[in-house]
Amino acid sequence: MKIQTYKVKHMVITKDYLLTNRTKRQAWTKRQLNILGVDYPPRKGWMNDLEGIEITEEQHKAFSKYANRNAPKAPITSALGKFKLSALPLNNYDLVAGVAFLSKLLRERS
């Protein structure tokens, strides 16, 4: 009798992973937190406690199932290279400040 062994894929939780798998309201559902073993409501510092923890592929699929499907899954690298643009929604102040910063940077480079 041949015994089958299964390789379970694991992934390490990072802060970016948690942030990109939020709901449309920029939060997490009770189900998502329970999948990761976090009590609801989560206590202060729960994200820091999860960083570096390994989860199975099943947990990853279940966790991301409840996330916002329209959000990008990784940070976008800008044309300037070293700057990373966040995939999080910005308010008007952030947009104005960002445009002013990039305008100043481009003027300095020319």
C-alpha atoms as a PDB file:
ATOM      1  CA  MET A   1       0.000   0.000   0.000  1.00  0.00           C
ATOM      2  CA  LYS A   2       1.427   3.321  -1.065  1.00  0.00           C
ATOM      3  CA  ILE A   3       1.004   6.231   1.341  1.00  0.00           C
ATOM      4  CA  GLN A   4       0.386   9.580  -0.267  1.00  0.00           C
ATOM      5  CA  THR A   5       2.047  12.612   1.189  1.00  0.00           C
ATOM      6  CA  TYR A   6       0.808  16.109   0.534  1.00  0.00           C
ATOM      7  CA  LYS A   7       2.945  19.182   0.432  1.00  0.00           C
ATOM      8  CA  VAL A   8       1.079  22.053   1.998  1.00  0.00           C
ATOM      9  CA  LYS A   9       2.167  25.396   0.651  1.00  0.00           C
ATOM     10  CA  HIS A  10       2.745  28.082   3.240  1.00  0.00           C
ATOM     11  CA  MET A  11       3.081  31.820   2.969  1.00  0.00           C
ATOM     12  CA  VAL A  12       4.349  34.397   5.434  1.00  0.00           C
ATOM     13  CA  ILE A  13       2.027  37.198   6.525  1.00  0.00           C
ATOM     14  CA  THR A  14       3.313  40.718   5.909  1.00  0.00           C
ATOM     15  CA  LYS A  15       1.770  44.099   6.644  1.00  0.00           C
ATOM     16  CA  ASP A  16       1.332  44.681   2.894  1.00  0.00           C
ATOM     17  CA  TYR A  17      -0.560  41.388   2.613  1.00  0.00           C
ATOM     18  CA  LEU A  18      -2.937  42.421   5.382  1.00  0.00           C
ATOM     19  CA  LEU A  19      -3.461  45.917   3.956  1.00  0.00           C
ATOM     20  CA  THR A  20      -4.136  44.741   0.403  1.00  0.00           C
ATOM     21  CA  ASN A  21      -6.712  42.199   1.566  1.00  0.00           C
ATOM     22  CA  ARG A  22      -9.075  44.657   3.219  1.00  0.00           C
ATOM     23  CA  THR A  23     -12.711  45.154   2.315  1.00  0.00           C
ATOM     24  CA  LYS A  24     -14.060  48.124   0.339  1.00  0.00           C
ATOM     25  CA  ARG A  25     -14.449  49.972   3.643  1.00  0.00           C
ATOM     26  CA  GLN A  26     -10.714  49.603   4.352  1.00  0.00           C
ATOM     27  CA  ALA A  27     -11.256  47.156   7.216  1.00  0.00           C
ATOM     28  CA  TRP A  28     -11.384  43.398   7.799  1.00  0.00           C
ATOM     29  CA  THR A  29     -14.409  41.230   8.404  1.00  0.00           C
ATOM     30  CA  LYS A  30     -14.888  39.129  11.502  1.00  0.00           C
ATOM     31  CA  ARG A  31     -14.511  36.023   9.314  1.00  0.00           C
ATOM     32  CA  GLN A  32     -11.175  37.210   7.931  1.00  0.00           C
ATOM     33  CA  LEU A  33      -9.794  37.832  11.408  1.00  0.00           C
ATOM     34  CA  ASN A  34     -11.058  34.471  12.671  1.00  0.00           C
ATOM     35  CA  ILE A  35      -9.284  32.722   9.771  1.00  0.00           C
ATOM     36  CA  LEU A  36      -6.012  34.206  11.037  1.00  0.00           C
ATOM     37  CA  GLY A  37      -6.815  33.368  14.658  1.00  0.00           C
ATOM     38  CA  VAL A  38      -7.465  36.961  15.748  1.00  0.00           C
ATOM     39  CA  ASP A  39     -10.275  37.599  18.227  1.00  0.00           C
ATOM     40  CA  TYR A  40     -12.953  40.089  17.257  1.00  0.00           C
ATOM     41  CA  PRO A  41     -12.781  42.981  17.851  1.00  0.00           C
ATOM     42  CA  PRO A  42      -9.013  42.916  17.341  1.00  0.00           C
ATOM     43  CA  ARG A  43      -6.841  44.387  20.055  1.00  0.00           C
ATOM     44  CA  LYS A  44      -4.314  47.137  19.442  1.00  0.00           C
ATOM     45  CA  GLY A  45      -1.180  45.845  17.715  1.00  0.00           C
ATOM     46  CA  TRP A  46      -2.761  42.716  16.216  1.00  0.00           C
ATOM     47  CA  MET A  47      -1.152  43.345  12.813  1.00  0.00           C
ATOM     48  CA  ASN A  48       2.321  43.497  14.331  1.00  0.00           C
ATOM     49  CA  ASP A  49       1.646  40.216  16.142  1.00  0.00           C
ATOM     50  CA  LEU A  50       0.789  38.486  12.844  1.00  0.00           C
ATOM     51  CA  GLU A  51       3.795  39.684  10.846  1.00  0.00           C
ATOM     52  CA  GLY A  52       6.096  36.789  10.015  1.00  0.00           C
ATOM     53  CA  ILE A  53       3.535  34.092  10.860  1.00  0.00           C
ATOM     54  CA  GLU A  54       3.076  31.351   8.255  1.00  0.00           C
ATOM     55  CA  ILE A  55      -0.381  30.440   7.008  1.00  0.00           C
ATOM     56  CA  THR A  56      -1.485  27.651   4.685  1.00  0.00           C
ATOM     57  CA  GLU A  57      -2.676  28.158   1.154  1.00  0.00           C
ATOM     58  CA  GLU A  58      -6.206  27.296   2.312  1.00  0.00           C
ATOM     59  CA  GLN A  59      -6.098  30.065   4.930  1.00  0.00           C
ATOM     60  CA  HIS A  60      -4.748  32.484   2.325  1.00  0.00           C
ATOM     61  CA  LYS A  61      -7.560  31.666  -0.121  1.00  0.00           C
ATOM     62  CA  ALA A  62     -10.231  31.940   2.580  1.00  0.00           C
ATOM     63  CA  PHE A  63      -8.791  35.228   3.906  1.00  0.00           C
ATOM     64  CA  SER A  64      -8.491  36.886   0.493  1.00  0.00           C
ATOM     65  CA  LYS A  65     -11.952  35.633  -0.550  1.00  0.00           C
ATOM     66  CA  TYR A  66     -13.554  38.292   1.648  1.00  0.00           C
ATOM     67  CA  ALA A  67     -11.260  41.097   0.472  1.00  0.00           C
ATOM     68  CA  ASN A  68     -12.021  43.806  -2.050  1.00  0.00           C
ATOM     69  CA  ARG A  69     -11.502  42.220  -5.450  1.00  0.00           C
ATOM     70  CA  ASN A  70     -11.041  45.592  -7.191  1.00  0.00           C
ATOM     71  CA  ALA A  71      -7.962  46.636  -5.219  1.00  0.00           C
ATOM     72  CA  PRO A  72      -4.471  46.014  -6.626  1.00  0.00           C
ATOM     73  CA  LYS A  73      -2.689  43.183  -4.834  1.00  0.00           C
ATOM     74  CA  ALA A  74       0.763  44.740  -4.718  1.00  0.00           C
ATOM     75  CA  PRO A  75       2.203  48.225  -4.380  1.00  0.00           C
ATOM     76  CA  ILE A  76       2.672  50.005  -7.686  1.00  0.00           C
ATOM     77  CA  THR A  77       6.168  51.232  -8.467  1.00  0.00           C
ATOM     78  CA  SER A  78       6.163  54.720  -9.916  1.00  0.00           C
ATOM     79  CA  ALA A  79       8.088  55.873 -12.966  1.00  0.00           C
ATOM     80  CA  LEU A  80      10.568  57.485 -10.582  1.00  0.00           C
ATOM     81  CA  GLY A  81      11.602  54.014  -9.442  1.00  0.00           C
ATOM     82  CA  LYS A  82      12.456  54.412  -5.789  1.00  0.00           C
ATOM     83  CA  PHE A  83       9.059  55.754  -4.752  1.00  0.00           C
ATOM     84  CA  LYS A  84       6.200  53.346  -4.098  1.00  0.00           C
ATOM     85  CA  LEU A  85       2.656  54.468  -4.629  1.00  0.00           C
ATOM     86  CA  SER A  86       0.160  53.100  -2.181  1.00  0.00           C
ATOM     87  CA  ALA A  87      -2.861  51.177  -3.438  1.00  0.00           C
ATOM     88  CA  LEU A  88      -4.940  52.785  -0.705  1.00  0.00           C
ATOM     89  CA  PRO A  89      -7.530  55.428  -1.526  1.00  0.00           C
ATOM     90  CA  LEU A  90      -6.343  58.974  -0.978  1.00  0.00           C
ATOM     91  CA  ASN A  91      -8.220  62.050   0.115  1.00  0.00           C
ATOM     92  CA  ASN A  92      -7.969  65.415  -1.682  1.00  0.00           C
ATOM     93  CA  TYR A  93      -5.251  66.727   0.652  1.00  0.00           C
ATOM     94  CA  ASP A  94      -3.047  63.701  -0.098  1.00  0.00           C
ATOM     95  CA  LEU A  95      -3.517  64.191  -3.839  1.00  0.00           C
ATOM     96  CA  VAL A  96      -2.667  67.896  -3.745  1.00  0.00           C
ATOM     97  CA  ALA A  97       0.396  67.271  -1.567  1.00  0.00           C
ATOM     98  CA  GLY A  98       1.524  64.438  -3.847  1.00  0.00           C
ATOM     99  CA  VAL A  99       1.183  66.510  -7.006  1.00  0.00           C
ATOM    100  CA  ALA A 100       3.084  69.392  -5.398  1.00  0.00           C
ATOM    101  CA  PHE A 101       5.873  67.029  -4.273  1.00  0.00           C
ATOM    102  CA  LEU A 102       6.225  65.395  -7.693  1.00  0.00           C
ATOM    103  CA  SER A 103       6.128  68.762  -9.484  1.00  0.00           C
ATOM    104  CA  LYS A 104       8.924  70.087  -7.272  1.00  0.00           C
ATOM    105  CA  LEU A 105      10.966  66.895  -7.784  1.00  0.00           C
ATOM    106  CA  LEU A 106      10.600  67.030 -11.562  1.00  0.00           C
ATOM    107  CA  ARG A 107      11.556  70.747 -11.636  1.00  0.00           C
ATOM    108  CA  GLU A 108      14.719  69.952  -9.664  1.00  0.00           C
ATOM    109  CA  ARG A 109      15.662  67.186 -12.094  1.00  0.00           C
ATOM    110  CA  SER A 110      15.325  69.360 -15.197  1.00  0.00           C
END
